[in-house]
Amino acid sequence: MKAIGRNLIVLKEKQGAKETKGGLLLAEKQREDIRYAKAKVISAGEDVQAIKDNDVIYYDRHAGHKIEFEGTMYNVIKAQDVVIVV
């Protein structure tokens, strides 16, 4: 599987549930305090600069779409949605 153009194929890191001060457990989808998602780059398109395969990145959590390949769920995002390369 290879990304094309300015796209990235990433494997999103799971963020566990978080307990609030009041004792409620919030799932990742319910948490509004998370603006960015952490992921590992599986494939970077040929037009992407400064991001390579196996880099760890943070990107806007609402960006892109999901794709399932060989039983694993990946996210496909545009390079412009990346805010940090670790």
Protein backbone atom coordinates (compact mmCIF):
# COMPACT_ATOMS: atom_id res chain seq x y z
CA MET A 1 0.00 0.00 0.00
CA LYS A 2 1.50 3.33 -1.07
CA ALA A 3 0.26 6.89 -0.68
CA ILE A 4 0.00 9.04 -3.81
CA GLY A 5 0.71 12.78 -4.22
CA ARG A 6 0.45 14.85 -1.02
CA ASN A 7 -1.38 12.13 0.91
CA LEU A 8 -0.17 10.19 3.93
CA ILE A 9 -1.29 6.78 5.13
CA VAL A 10 -1.06 6.70 8.92
CA LEU A 11 -1.77 4.26 11.72
CA LYS A 12 -3.51 6.23 14.47
CA GLU A 13 -2.44 5.61 18.06
CA LYS A 14 -5.32 4.72 20.35
CA GLN A 15 -6.08 7.22 23.11
CA GLY A 16 -7.68 5.45 26.05
CA ALA A 17 -10.66 6.59 28.07
CA LYS A 18 -10.06 9.50 30.44
CA GLU A 19 -11.65 10.00 33.82
CA THR A 20 -13.03 13.47 34.51
CA LYS A 21 -12.75 15.26 37.86
CA GLY A 22 -16.33 14.17 38.56
CA GLY A 23 -15.47 10.50 37.96
CA LEU A 24 -17.02 10.02 34.51
CA LEU A 25 -15.12 7.98 31.95
CA LEU A 26 -15.02 9.63 28.53
CA ALA A 27 -14.21 7.60 25.43
CA GLU A 28 -11.80 9.03 22.86
CA LYS A 29 -14.64 10.16 20.57
CA GLN A 30 -16.33 12.06 23.41
CA ARG A 31 -13.24 13.94 24.51
CA GLU A 32 -13.20 17.53 23.32
CA ASP A 33 -9.83 18.27 24.96
CA ILE A 34 -8.02 16.27 22.27
CA ARG A 35 -7.50 18.51 19.24
CA TYR A 36 -4.76 16.48 17.56
CA ALA A 37 -4.27 12.76 17.02
CA LYS A 38 -0.92 10.97 17.25
CA ALA A 39 -0.03 8.53 14.47
CA LYS A 40 2.81 6.66 12.80
CA VAL A 41 3.34 7.33 9.08
CA ILE A 42 3.03 4.10 7.10
CA SER A 43 3.48 5.67 3.66
CA ALA A 44 4.16 9.24 2.48
CA GLY A 45 3.26 10.31 -1.06
CA GLU A 46 5.98 11.38 -3.50
CA ASP A 47 5.01 15.09 -3.23
CA VAL A 48 5.31 15.21 0.58
CA GLN A 49 8.36 17.02 1.95
CA ALA A 50 9.78 16.78 5.50
CA ILE A 51 7.68 13.73 6.42
CA LYS A 52 9.03 10.24 5.89
CA ASP A 53 7.76 6.70 6.44
CA ASN A 54 7.87 5.65 10.13
CA ASP A 55 7.79 9.27 11.41
CA VAL A 56 5.53 9.95 14.38
CA ILE A 57 3.20 12.88 13.72
CA TYR A 58 0.32 14.82 15.23
CA TYR A 59 -2.50 15.85 12.91
CA ASP A 60 -5.97 17.40 13.12
CA ARG A 61 -8.17 14.58 14.45
CA HIS A 62 -11.03 15.47 12.06
CA ALA A 63 -8.84 15.26 8.97
CA GLY A 64 -8.96 12.61 6.28
CA HIS A 65 -10.84 9.36 6.11
CA LYS A 66 -10.39 5.73 7.12
CA ILE A 67 -9.51 2.77 4.96
CA GLU A 68 -9.32 -0.89 5.92
CA PHE A 69 -6.51 -2.95 4.43
CA GLU A 70 -5.83 -6.57 5.35
CA GLY A 71 -7.86 -6.30 8.54
CA THR A 72 -6.18 -3.11 9.84
CA MET A 73 -7.85 0.31 9.88
CA TYR A 74 -5.65 3.14 8.54
CA ASN A 75 -6.27 6.86 8.14
CA VAL A 76 -5.52 8.68 4.88
CA ILE A 77 -4.78 12.37 5.45
CA LYS A 78 -3.30 15.26 3.50
CA ALA A 79 0.18 16.50 4.42
CA GLN A 80 -1.28 19.96 5.15
CA ASP A 81 -3.20 18.50 8.13
CA VAL A 82 0.04 17.57 9.94
CA VAL A 83 1.02 20.02 12.67
CA ILE A 84 4.03 18.31 14.30
CA VAL A 85 6.62 15.71 13.29
CA VAL A 86 8.19 14.18 16.39
